[in-house]
C-alpha atoms as a PDB file:
ATOM      1  CA  MET A   1      18.303  39.280  20.984  1.00  0.00           C
ATOM      2  CA  LEU A   2      21.504  37.297  20.523  1.00  0.00           C
ATOM      3  CA  LYS A   3      22.358  34.967  23.431  1.00  0.00           C
ATOM      4  CA  PHE A   4      25.362  32.670  23.530  1.00  0.00           C
ATOM      5  CA  ALA A   5      25.241  29.384  25.363  1.00  0.00           C
ATOM      6  CA  LYS A   6      26.594  29.442  28.893  1.00  0.00           C
ATOM      7  CA  ASN A   7      29.991  27.928  29.671  1.00  0.00           C
ATOM      8  CA  THR A   8      30.918  27.865  26.039  1.00  0.00           C
ATOM      9  CA  GLY A   9      34.607  28.288  26.631  1.00  0.00           C
ATOM     10  CA  ILE A  10      35.361  28.534  22.911  1.00  0.00           C
ATOM     11  CA  LEU A  11      33.459  30.766  20.540  1.00  0.00           C
ATOM     12  CA  GLY A  12      31.172  28.751  18.307  1.00  0.00           C
ATOM     13  CA  VAL A  13      31.240  25.646  20.473  1.00  0.00           C
ATOM     14  CA  SER A  14      28.298  24.877  22.786  1.00  0.00           C
ATOM     15  CA  HIS A  15      28.402  22.169  25.427  1.00  0.00           C
ATOM     16  CA  ASP A  16      24.776  22.729  26.385  1.00  0.00           C
ATOM     17  CA  ARG A  17      22.734  20.629  23.949  1.00  0.00           C
ATOM     18  CA  GLN A  18      19.418  22.087  25.109  1.00  0.00           C
ATOM     19  CA  ARG A  19      20.223  25.750  24.417  1.00  0.00           C
ATOM     20  CA  TYR A  20      20.114  27.667  21.160  1.00  0.00           C
ATOM     21  CA  ASP A  21      22.018  30.860  20.453  1.00  0.00           C
ATOM     22  CA  LEU A  22      18.854  31.935  18.644  1.00  0.00           C
ATOM     23  CA  PRO A  23      15.353  31.688  20.171  1.00  0.00           C
ATOM     24  CA  LEU A  24      14.274  29.144  17.558  1.00  0.00           C
ATOM     25  CA  ASP A  25      11.904  27.239  19.820  1.00  0.00           C
ATOM     26  CA  LYS A  26      10.098  30.466  20.722  1.00  0.00           C
ATOM     27  CA  ASP A  27       9.476  31.532  17.145  1.00  0.00           C
ATOM     28  CA  GLY A  28       5.830  31.763  16.100  1.00  0.00           C
ATOM     29  CA  GLY A  29       6.544  29.763  12.972  1.00  0.00           C
ATOM     30  CA  SER A  30       7.424  26.672  14.992  1.00  0.00           C
ATOM     31  CA  LEU A  31       3.777  25.802  15.542  1.00  0.00           C
ATOM     32  CA  PHE A  32       2.983  26.182  11.853  1.00  0.00           C
ATOM     33  CA  LEU A  33       5.891  23.905  10.902  1.00  0.00           C
ATOM     34  CA  LYS A  34       4.783  21.223  13.368  1.00  0.00           C
ATOM     35  CA  ILE A  35       1.176  21.387  12.141  1.00  0.00           C
ATOM     36  CA  LEU A  36       2.371  21.062   8.551  1.00  0.00           C
ATOM     37  CA  ILE A  37       4.495  18.013   9.411  1.00  0.00           C
ATOM     38  CA  ILE A  38       1.576  16.480  11.340  1.00  0.00           C
ATOM     39  CA  LEU A  39      -0.681  16.810   8.291  1.00  0.00           C
ATOM     40  CA  MET A  40       1.944  15.522   5.864  1.00  0.00           C
ATOM     41  CA  THR A  41       2.721  12.527   8.087  1.00  0.00           C
ATOM     42  CA  PHE A  42      -0.972  11.774   8.549  1.00  0.00           C
ATOM     43  CA  LEU A  43      -1.461  11.712   4.777  1.00  0.00           C
ATOM     44  CA  ALA A  44       1.688   9.613   4.336  1.00  0.00           C
ATOM     45  CA  VAL A  45       0.366   7.014   6.795  1.00  0.00           C
ATOM     46  CA  LEU A  46      -2.919   6.778   4.881  1.00  0.00           C
ATOM     47  CA  ALA A  47      -1.133   6.546   1.522  1.00  0.00           C
ATOM     48  CA  LEU A  48       1.286   3.887   2.786  1.00  0.00           C
ATOM     49  CA  SER A  49      -1.518   1.854   4.335  1.00  0.00           C
ATOM     50  CA  GLY A  50      -3.389   2.037   1.033  1.00  0.00           C
ATOM     51  CA  SER A  51      -0.308   0.693  -0.722  1.00  0.00           C
ATOM     52  CA  TYR A  52      -0.052  -2.129   1.828  1.00  0.00           C
ATOM     53  CA  VAL A  53      -3.727  -3.073   1.418  1.00  0.00           C
ATOM     54  CA  LEU A  54      -3.396  -3.090  -2.365  1.00  0.00           C
ATOM     55  CA  SER A  55      -0.336  -5.333  -2.100  1.00  0.00           C
ATOM     56  CA  ALA A  56      -2.277  -7.745   0.100  1.00  0.00           C
ATOM     57  CA  MET A  57      -5.201  -7.644  -2.326  1.00  0.00           C
ATOM     58  CA  LYS A  58      -2.915  -8.378  -5.267  1.00  0.00           C
ATOM     59  CA  GLU A  59      -1.281 -11.241  -3.401  1.00  0.00           C
ATOM     60  CA  ARG A  60      -4.621 -12.747  -2.444  1.00  0.00           C
ATOM     61  CA  TRP A  61      -6.052 -12.585  -5.943  1.00  0.00           C
ATOM     62  CA  SER A  62      -2.836 -13.868  -7.515  1.00  0.00           C
ATOM     63  CA  SER A  63      -2.491 -16.795  -5.142  1.00  0.00           C
ATOM     64  CA  GLY A  64      -6.201 -17.542  -5.390  1.00  0.00           C
ATOM     65  CA  LEU A  65      -6.413 -17.644  -9.189  1.00  0.00           C
ATOM     66  CA  GLU A  66      -2.902 -18.290 -10.456  1.00  0.00           C
ATOM     67  CA  ASN A  67      -2.445 -21.815 -11.870  1.00  0.00           C
ATOM     68  CA  LYS A  68      -6.148 -22.415 -11.415  1.00  0.00           C
ATOM     69  CA  ALA A  69      -9.040 -22.791 -13.836  1.00  0.00           C
ATOM     70  CA  SER A  70     -12.687 -23.752 -13.908  1.00  0.00           C
ATOM     71  CA  ILE A  71     -14.488 -26.005 -16.384  1.00  0.00           C
ATOM     72  CA  GLU A  72     -18.187 -25.399 -16.928  1.00  0.00           C
ATOM     73  CA  ILE A  73     -20.374 -28.192 -18.278  1.00  0.00           C
ATOM     74  CA  SER A  74     -23.321 -26.256 -19.638  1.00  0.00           C
ATOM     75  CA  ALA A  75     -26.889 -27.467 -19.193  1.00  0.00           C
ATOM     76  CA  GLN A  76     -27.549 -27.064 -22.924  1.00  0.00           C
ATOM     77  CA  ASP A  77     -25.775 -28.314 -26.014  1.00  0.00           C
ATOM     78  CA  ALA A  78     -24.370 -26.314 -28.917  1.00  0.00           C
ATOM     79  CA  GLU A  79     -27.803 -26.197 -30.605  1.00  0.00           C
ATOM     80  CA  GLY A  80     -29.416 -24.764 -27.473  1.00  0.00           C
ATOM     81  CA  ASN A  81     -31.210 -27.944 -26.452  1.00  0.00           C
ATOM     82  CA  ILE A  82     -31.610 -28.466 -22.722  1.00  0.00           C
ATOM     83  CA  LEU A  83     -29.750 -31.541 -21.503  1.00  0.00           C
ATOM     84  CA  THR A  84     -31.086 -33.912 -18.890  1.00  0.00           C
ATOM     85  CA  PRO A  85     -29.346 -34.123 -15.487  1.00  0.00           C
ATOM     86  CA  GLU A  86     -28.122 -37.609 -16.433  1.00  0.00           C
ATOM     87  CA  GLU A  87     -26.486 -36.308 -19.621  1.00  0.00           C
ATOM     88  CA  ILE A  88     -24.840 -33.453 -17.738  1.00  0.00           C
ATOM     89  CA  ASN A  89     -23.541 -35.799 -15.030  1.00  0.00           C
ATOM     90  CA  ASN A  90     -22.210 -38.290 -17.597  1.00  0.00           C
ATOM     91  CA  ALA A  91     -20.366 -35.527 -19.421  1.00  0.00           C
ATOM     92  CA  THR A  92     -19.045 -34.258 -16.081  1.00  0.00           C
ATOM     93  CA  ASP A  93     -17.729 -37.697 -15.103  1.00  0.00           C
ATOM     94  CA  ASN A  94     -15.974 -38.102 -18.462  1.00  0.00           C
ATOM     95  CA  ILE A  95     -14.399 -34.662 -18.159  1.00  0.00           C
ATOM     96  CA  PHE A  96     -13.377 -35.380 -14.566  1.00  0.00           C
ATOM     97  CA  HIS A  97     -11.520 -38.588 -15.434  1.00  0.00           C
ATOM     98  CA  PHE A  98      -9.743 -36.957 -18.375  1.00  0.00           C
ATOM     99  CA  VAL A  99      -8.649 -33.914 -16.375  1.00  0.00           C
ATOM    100  CA  LYS A 100      -7.566 -36.004 -13.389  1.00  0.00           C
ATOM    101  CA  SER A 101      -5.256 -38.097 -15.578  1.00  0.00           C
ATOM    102  CA  HIS A 102      -3.690 -35.080 -17.308  1.00  0.00           C
ATOM    103  CA  PRO A 103       0.032 -34.727 -16.363  1.00  0.00           C
ATOM    104  CA  ALA A 104      -0.237 -30.951 -15.829  1.00  0.00           C
ATOM    105  CA  VAL A 105      -3.163 -31.175 -13.403  1.00  0.00           C
ATOM    106  CA  GLU A 106      -2.520 -31.298  -9.691  1.00  0.00           C
ATOM    107  CA  THR A 107      -6.085 -31.499  -8.350  1.00  0.00           C
ATOM    108  CA  VAL A 108      -9.601 -31.416  -9.775  1.00  0.00           C
ATOM    109  CA  THR A 109     -12.859 -31.116  -7.832  1.00  0.00           C
ATOM    110  CA  ILE A 110     -16.507 -31.188  -8.847  1.00  0.00           C
ATOM    111  CA  MET A 111     -18.406 -28.387  -7.191  1.00  0.00           C
ATOM    112  CA  GLN A 112     -21.513 -29.307  -5.238  1.00  0.00           C
ATOM    113  CA  ASP A 113     -24.916 -28.014  -6.359  1.00  0.00           C
ATOM    114  CA  GLU A 114     -25.290 -25.855  -3.242  1.00  0.00           C
ATOM    115  CA  ASP A 115     -21.923 -24.196  -3.929  1.00  0.00           C
ATOM    116  CA  ILE A 116     -22.974 -23.408  -7.497  1.00  0.00           C
ATOM    117  CA  ALA A 117     -26.272 -22.033  -6.245  1.00  0.00           C
ATOM    118  CA  ALA A 118     -24.394 -19.798  -3.806  1.00  0.00           C
ATOM    119  CA  LEU A 119     -22.305 -18.442  -6.681  1.00  0.00           C
ATOM    120  CA  ILE A 120     -25.226 -17.453  -8.890  1.00  0.00           C
ATOM    121  CA  SER A 121     -27.747 -16.442  -6.208  1.00  0.00           C
ATOM    122  CA  PRO A 122     -26.447 -12.836  -5.991  1.00  0.00           C
ATOM    123  CA  TRP A 123     -27.472 -12.374  -9.656  1.00  0.00           C
ATOM    124  CA  ILE A 124     -30.736 -14.309  -9.794  1.00  0.00           C
ATOM    125  CA  GLY A 125     -31.883 -14.118  -6.173  1.00  0.00           C
ATOM    126  CA  ASP A 126     -32.391 -16.648  -3.396  1.00  0.00           C
ATOM    127  CA  ASN A 127     -36.047 -17.347  -4.100  1.00  0.00           C
ATOM    128  CA  ILE A 128     -35.355 -19.466  -7.160  1.00  0.00           C
ATOM    129  CA  ALA A 129     -36.015 -23.195  -6.880  1.00  0.00           C
ATOM    130  CA  PHE A 130     -32.664 -24.423  -8.164  1.00  0.00           C
ATOM    131  CA  ASP A 131     -33.827 -28.037  -8.228  1.00  0.00           C
ATOM    132  CA  GLN A 132     -36.429 -27.119 -10.845  1.00  0.00           C
ATOM    133  CA  ILE A 133     -34.128 -25.417 -13.336  1.00  0.00           C
ATOM    134  CA  PRO A 134     -31.257 -26.929 -15.354  1.00  0.00           C
ATOM    135  CA  MET A 135     -27.972 -26.225 -13.595  1.00  0.00           C
ATOM    136  CA  PRO A 136     -24.494 -26.501 -15.102  1.00  0.00           C
ATOM    137  CA  ASN A 137     -21.766 -28.503 -13.469  1.00  0.00           C
ATOM    138  CA  ILE A 138     -18.468 -26.836 -12.623  1.00  0.00           C
ATOM    139  CA  LEU A 139     -15.082 -28.389 -12.012  1.00  0.00           C
ATOM    140  CA  THR A 140     -12.286 -26.472 -10.280  1.00  0.00           C
ATOM    141  CA  VAL A 141      -8.810 -27.369 -11.487  1.00  0.00           C
ATOM    142  CA  SER A 142      -5.385 -26.644 -10.004  1.00  0.00           C
ATOM    143  CA  PHE A 143      -2.429 -26.978 -12.349  1.00  0.00           C
ATOM    144  CA  LYS A 144       1.076 -27.913 -11.311  1.00  0.00           C
ATOM    145  CA  LYS A 145       3.502 -25.015 -11.076  1.00  0.00           C
ATOM    146  CA  ASN A 146       6.320 -24.734 -13.613  1.00  0.00           C
ATOM    147  CA  VAL A 147       4.600 -27.254 -15.895  1.00  0.00           C
ATOM    148  CA  GLU A 148       3.923 -25.785 -19.333  1.00  0.00           C
ATOM    149  CA  PHE A 149       1.173 -27.079 -21.594  1.00  0.00           C
ATOM    150  CA  ASP A 150      -1.039 -25.760 -24.387  1.00  0.00           C
ATOM    151  CA  THR A 151      -4.378 -24.654 -22.961  1.00  0.00           C
ATOM    152  CA  THR A 152      -5.848 -24.523 -26.475  1.00  0.00           C
ATOM    153  CA  ILE A 153      -5.145 -28.210 -27.018  1.00  0.00           C
ATOM    154  CA  PHE A 154      -6.385 -28.950 -23.508  1.00  0.00           C
ATOM    155  CA  GLU A 155      -9.681 -27.149 -24.154  1.00  0.00           C
ATOM    156  CA  GLY A 156      -9.983 -28.894 -27.542  1.00  0.00           C
ATOM    157  CA  ARG A 157      -9.802 -32.285 -25.825  1.00  0.00           C
ATOM    158  CA  LEU A 158     -12.485 -31.148 -23.416  1.00  0.00           C
ATOM    159  CA  LYS A 159     -14.827 -30.211 -26.264  1.00  0.00           C
ATOM    160  CA  ILE A 160     -14.277 -33.572 -27.915  1.00  0.00           C
ATOM    161  CA  ILE A 161     -15.478 -35.241 -24.720  1.00  0.00           C
ATOM    162  CA  ALA A 162     -18.294 -32.723 -24.115  1.00  0.00           C
ATOM    163  CA  PRO A 163     -18.923 -30.062 -26.814  1.00  0.00           C
ATOM    164  CA  GLN A 164     -20.710 -27.813 -24.278  1.00  0.00           C
ATOM    165  CA  ALA A 165     -17.673 -27.727 -21.949  1.00  0.00           C
ATOM    166  CA  ARG A 166     -15.949 -24.379 -21.505  1.00  0.00           C
ATOM    167  CA  LEU A 167     -12.534 -23.752 -19.967  1.00  0.00           C
ATOM    168  CA  ASP A 168     -11.954 -20.519 -18.034  1.00  0.00           C
ATOM    169  CA  THR A 169      -8.361 -19.926 -16.891  1.00  0.00           C
ATOM    170  CA  HIS A 170      -9.222 -16.492 -15.403  1.00  0.00           C
ATOM    171  CA  GLU A 171      -6.102 -15.203 -17.163  1.00  0.00           C
ATOM    172  CA  SER A 172      -7.623 -12.200 -18.916  1.00  0.00           C
ATOM    173  CA  TRP A 173      -9.681 -11.200 -15.868  1.00  0.00           C
ATOM    174  CA  LEU A 174      -6.698 -11.622 -13.541  1.00  0.00           C
ATOM    175  CA  LYS A 175      -4.450  -9.537 -15.794  1.00  0.00           C
ATOM    176  CA  ASP A 176      -6.979  -6.689 -15.829  1.00  0.00           C
ATOM    177  CA  VAL A 177      -7.414  -6.798 -12.060  1.00  0.00           C
ATOM    178  CA  LEU A 178      -3.674  -6.917 -11.391  1.00  0.00           C
ATOM    179  CA  ARG A 179      -3.087  -4.078 -13.846  1.00  0.00           C
ATOM    180  CA  PHE A 180      -5.719  -2.036 -11.999  1.00  0.00           C
ATOM    181  CA  THR A 181      -4.275  -2.774  -8.539  1.00  0.00           C
ATOM    182  CA  ASN A 182      -0.753  -2.003  -9.785  1.00  0.00           C
ATOM    183  CA  ALA A 183      -1.978   1.361 -11.074  1.00  0.00           C
ATOM    184  CA  LEU A 184      -3.583   2.146  -7.718  1.00  0.00           C
ATOM    185  CA  LYS A 185      -0.465   1.043  -5.854  1.00  0.00           C
ATOM    186  CA  PHE A 186       1.700   3.230  -8.085  1.00  0.00           C
ATOM    187  CA  ALA A 187      -0.633   6.152  -7.380  1.00  0.00           C
ATOM    188  CA  ALA A 188      -0.338   5.540  -3.615  1.00  0.00           C
ATOM    189  CA  ILE A 189       3.474   5.427  -3.822  1.00  0.00           C
ATOM    190  CA  LEU A 190       3.487   8.547  -6.005  1.00  0.00           C
ATOM    191  CA  ILE A 191       1.304  10.386  -3.477  1.00  0.00           C
ATOM    192  CA  THR A 192       3.678   9.346  -0.677  1.00  0.00           C
ATOM    193  CA  THR A 193       6.640  10.615  -2.708  1.00  0.00           C
ATOM    194  CA  ILE A 194       4.907  13.931  -3.394  1.00  0.00           C
ATOM    195  CA  ILE A 195       4.122  14.278   0.315  1.00  0.00           C
ATOM    196  CA  GLY A 196       7.805  13.712   1.086  1.00  0.00           C
ATOM    197  CA  LEU A 197       8.884  16.339  -1.459  1.00  0.00           C
ATOM    198  CA  ILE A 198       6.379  18.845  -0.087  1.00  0.00           C
ATOM    199  CA  THR A 199       7.694  18.186   3.425  1.00  0.00           C
ATOM    200  CA  ILE A 200      11.295  18.746   2.300  1.00  0.00           C
ATOM    201  CA  ILE A 201      10.385  21.979   0.491  1.00  0.00           C
ATOM    202  CA  SER A 202       8.389  23.198   3.492  1.00  0.00           C
ATOM    203  CA  ILE A 203      11.236  22.505   5.919  1.00  0.00           C
ATOM    204  CA  ALA A 204      13.729  24.223   3.635  1.00  0.00           C
ATOM    205  CA  GLY A 205      11.406  27.202   3.395  1.00  0.00           C
ATOM    206  CA  ALA A 206      10.953  27.300   7.173  1.00  0.00           C
ATOM    207  CA  VAL A 207      14.722  27.237   7.718  1.00  0.00           C
ATOM    208  CA  LYS A 208      15.258  30.036   5.215  1.00  0.00           C
ATOM    209  CA  THR A 209      12.541  32.098   6.893  1.00  0.00           C
ATOM    210  CA  ARG A 210      14.191  31.742  10.299  1.00  0.00           C
ATOM    211  CA  MET A 211      17.548  32.657   8.860  1.00  0.00           C
ATOM    212  CA  GLU A 212      16.021  35.772   7.350  1.00  0.00           C
ATOM    213  CA  VAL A 213      14.355  36.688  10.653  1.00  0.00           C
ATOM    214  CA  TYR A 214      17.644  36.297  12.512  1.00  0.00           C
ATOM    215  CA  HIS A 215      19.827  37.463   9.656  1.00  0.00           C
ATOM    216  CA  GLU A 216      21.670  40.111  11.679  1.00  0.00           C
ATOM    217  CA  GLU A 217      22.315  37.756  14.585  1.00  0.00           C
ATOM    218  CA  LEU A 218      23.545  35.024  12.239  1.00  0.00           C
ATOM    219  CA  GLU A 219      25.775  37.488  10.424  1.00  0.00           C
ATOM    220  CA  LEU A 220      27.203  38.655  13.747  1.00  0.00           C
ATOM    221  CA  LEU A 221      27.877  35.049  14.815  1.00  0.00           C
ATOM    222  CA  HIS A 222      29.498  34.468  11.463  1.00  0.00           C
ATOM    223  CA  LEU A 223      31.715  37.532  11.714  1.00  0.00           C
ATOM    224  CA  MET A 224      32.750  36.694  15.293  1.00  0.00           C
ATOM    225  CA  GLY A 225      34.111  33.393  14.108  1.00  0.00           C
ATOM    226  CA  ALA A 226      31.335  30.910  14.768  1.00  0.00           C
ATOM    227  CA  ALA A 227      31.836  27.969  12.454  1.00  0.00           C
ATOM    228  CA  ASP A 228      29.228  27.243   9.814  1.00  0.00           C
ATOM    229  CA  ASN A 229      28.980  23.731  11.152  1.00  0.00           C
ATOM    230  CA  TYR A 230      28.164  25.065  14.649  1.00  0.00           C
ATOM    231  CA  ILE A 231      25.336  27.257  13.342  1.00  0.00           C
ATOM    232  CA  ALA A 232      24.055  24.487  11.084  1.00  0.00           C
ATOM    233  CA  LYS A 233      23.969  22.004  13.978  1.00  0.00           C
ATOM    234  CA  GLN A 234      21.728  24.286  16.012  1.00  0.00           C
ATOM    235  CA  LEU A 235      19.159  24.668  13.248  1.00  0.00           C
ATOM    236  CA  GLN A 236      19.572  21.009  12.363  1.00  0.00           C
ATOM    237  CA  ARG A 237      18.857  19.945  15.954  1.00  0.00           C
ATOM    238  CA  TYR A 238      15.875  22.298  16.160  1.00  0.00           C
ATOM    239  CA  ILE A 239      14.344  20.931  12.930  1.00  0.00           C
ATOM    240  CA  PHE A 240      15.062  17.329  14.000  1.00  0.00           C
ATOM    241  CA  PHE A 241      13.123  17.555  17.260  1.00  0.00           C
ATOM    242  CA  SER A 242      10.339  19.653  15.731  1.00  0.00           C
ATOM    243  CA  SER A 243       9.947  17.163  12.888  1.00  0.00           C
ATOM    244  CA  LEU A 244      10.117  14.198  15.264  1.00  0.00           C
ATOM    245  CA  GLN A 245       7.394  15.616  17.459  1.00  0.00           C
ATOM    246  CA  GLY A 246       5.130  16.543  14.545  1.00  0.00           C
ATOM    247  CA  ALA A 247       5.694  13.245  12.737  1.00  0.00           C
ATOM    248  CA  ALA A 248       4.978  11.244  15.894  1.00  0.00           C
ATOM    249  CA  ILE A 249       1.665  13.032  16.369  1.00  0.00           C
ATOM    250  CA  GLY A 250       0.813  12.624  12.678  1.00  0.00           C
ATOM    251  CA  THR A 251       1.666   8.905  12.725  1.00  0.00           C
ATOM    252  CA  PHE A 252      -0.378   8.318  15.868  1.00  0.00           C
ATOM    253  CA  THR A 253      -3.350  10.174  14.367  1.00  0.00           C
ATOM    254  CA  GLY A 254      -3.040   8.208  11.124  1.00  0.00           C
ATOM    255  CA  VAL A 255      -2.915   4.868  12.949  1.00  0.00           C
ATOM    256  CA  VAL A 256      -5.993   5.836  14.974  1.00  0.00           C
ATOM    257  CA  MET A 257      -7.771   6.660  11.718  1.00  0.00           C
ATOM    258  CA  LEU A 258      -6.785   3.249  10.311  1.00  0.00           C
ATOM    259  CA  LEU A 259      -8.237   1.541  13.396  1.00  0.00           C
ATOM    260  CA  ILE A 260     -11.478   3.474  12.949  1.00  0.00           C
ATOM    261  CA  ILE A 261     -11.628   2.426   9.296  1.00  0.00           C
ATOM    262  CA  LYS A 262     -10.964  -1.180  10.284  1.00  0.00           C
ATOM    263  CA  LEU A 263     -13.807  -1.093  12.782  1.00  0.00           C
ATOM    264  CA  ALA A 264     -16.087   0.526  10.196  1.00  0.00           C
ATOM    265  CA  ILE A 265     -15.488  -2.144   7.561  1.00  0.00           C
ATOM    266  CA  GLY A 266     -15.267  -4.982  10.054  1.00  0.00           C
ATOM    267  CA  GLN A 267     -19.028  -5.518   9.909  1.00  0.00           C
ATOM    268  CA  MET A 268     -19.125  -5.608   6.098  1.00  0.00           C
ATOM    269  CA  ASP A 269     -19.130  -8.828   4.141  1.00  0.00           C
ATOM    270  CA  MET A 270     -16.422  -8.042   1.591  1.00  0.00           C
ATOM    271  CA  GLY A 271     -15.070 -11.382   0.495  1.00  0.00           C
ATOM    272  CA  LEU A 272     -13.046  -9.953  -2.385  1.00  0.00           C
ATOM    273  CA  LEU A 273     -11.039  -7.701  -0.101  1.00  0.00           C
ATOM    274  CA  PRO A 274      -8.283  -8.925   2.220  1.00  0.00           C
ATOM    275  CA  ASP A 275      -8.393  -8.524   5.971  1.00  0.00           C
ATOM    276  CA  PHE A 276      -7.550  -4.956   6.926  1.00  0.00           C
ATOM    277  CA  SER A 277      -4.491  -5.931   8.964  1.00  0.00           C
ATOM    278  CA  LEU A 278      -0.802  -5.081   8.867  1.00  0.00           C
ATOM    279  CA  THR A 279       2.229  -7.333   8.990  1.00  0.00           C
ATOM    280  CA  LEU A 280       5.003  -6.884  11.543  1.00  0.00           C
ATOM    281  CA  THR A 281       7.215  -5.259   8.900  1.00  0.00           C
ATOM    282  CA  GLN A 282       4.488  -2.785   7.955  1.00  0.00           C
ATOM    283  CA  ILE A 283       3.839  -1.914  11.611  1.00  0.00           C
ATOM    284  CA  LEU A 284       7.581  -1.376  12.063  1.00  0.00           C
ATOM    285  CA  SER A 285       7.579   0.986   9.081  1.00  0.00           C
ATOM    286  CA  PHE A 286       4.978   3.148  10.829  1.00  0.00           C
ATOM    287  CA  VAL A 287       6.998   3.080  14.066  1.00  0.00           C
ATOM    288  CA  LEU A 288      10.140   4.219  12.223  1.00  0.00           C
ATOM    289  CA  LEU A 289       8.315   6.771  10.051  1.00  0.00           C
ATOM    290  CA  PRO A 290       8.676   9.677  12.559  1.00  0.00           C
ATOM    291  CA  VAL A 291      12.405   8.955  12.930  1.00  0.00           C
ATOM    292  CA  PHE A 292      12.823   8.844   9.152  1.00  0.00           C
ATOM    293  CA  ILE A 293      10.991  12.168   8.727  1.00  0.00           C
ATOM    294  CA  ALA A 294      13.050  13.728  11.533  1.00  0.00           C
ATOM    295  CA  PHE A 295      16.338  12.675   9.903  1.00  0.00           C
ATOM    296  CA  LEU A 296      15.059  13.830   6.523  1.00  0.00           C
ATOM    297  CA  GLY A 297      14.177  17.199   8.032  1.00  0.00           C
ATOM    298  CA  ALA A 298      17.551  17.481   9.757  1.00  0.00           C
ATOM    299  CA  LEU A 299      19.441  16.741   6.541  1.00  0.00           C
ATOM    300  CA  THR A 300      17.298  19.257   4.657  1.00  0.00           C
ATOM    301  CA  ALA A 301      17.933  21.883   7.333  1.00  0.00           C
ATOM    302  CA  ARG A 302      21.679  21.272   7.315  1.00  0.00           C
ATOM    303  CA  HIS A 303      21.928  21.518   3.535  1.00  0.00           C
ATOM    304  CA  THR A 304      19.822  24.695   3.482  1.00  0.00           C
ATOM    305  CA  VAL A 305      21.732  26.402   6.301  1.00  0.00           C
ATOM    306  CA  LEU A 306      25.184  25.651   4.889  1.00  0.00           C
ATOM    307  CA  ARG A 307      24.153  26.862   1.461  1.00  0.00           C
ATOM    308  CA  VAL A 308      22.857  30.163   2.861  1.00  0.00           C
ATOM    309  CA  LEU A 309      25.856  30.665   5.176  1.00  0.00           C
ATOM    310  CA  ARG A 310      28.290  30.264   2.311  1.00  0.00           C
ATOM    311  CA  GLN A 311      26.778  33.409   0.798  1.00  0.00           C
ATOM    312  CA  MET A 312      27.411  35.430   3.978  1.00  0.00           C
ATOM    313  CA  PRO A 313      30.609  37.454   4.475  1.00  0.00           C
END
């Protein structure tokens, strides 16, 4: 039943912001729309958080390996003969002094035997007597930023000093890892975009459905002189508050799920992964997400309503 706002004074102008000329808030489809927005927002929070974690992972791996290299002094020579600890240490000292004096090198450190043992123990076990087997020596090198040099020539000088030396700049491995994380991040952003498009389409469909349900009432309002902008504002306001409520619930549920995930992985020893924490900017993005979805819904509703009303007599 058509009801005009009280104390209107002028047809098509309502001074009561809480009333609708149409019973939009009592429509059975309102609950379905809110549930849909809750689910879409929940998925958007998870997708965005995944993108944030991947960005942190990329940053950690890049900062941890960029401009860095390792030099391995093998425990055997090119012919496969096992070298004595004294020979390995002599070769290591010679390599160390050469690398330290190189103009492109910022720092160089010789890893301790216990650190090397910790690196290889996951593959060979902890029950191995490392003092009874030949162990390589490893040097970690940090290069100066914005200083270009030929790594091939650098490695060639290393092999002149110690033929069994091997330079690993981690470049190929880092490129593969970063390419993989970029692909996952793109997928997360794409999923978020698809969720946004589905939300827009769903809101537009919900608005059209309500306009079809109240087609006669809308047509009567239109014929009596109610401005298109007046009718659009009512549906726009209804969609805004419905979207805001649903998005707030969806964001809260998503954040709770993230906290549960953080607690679940908090007990795991996952050194390769970054801490599951959010920056202030990322937290702010979640706080503003319901407002963004509400404005997006309101704009979608306004565009849909005005387009449909233009086709009415």
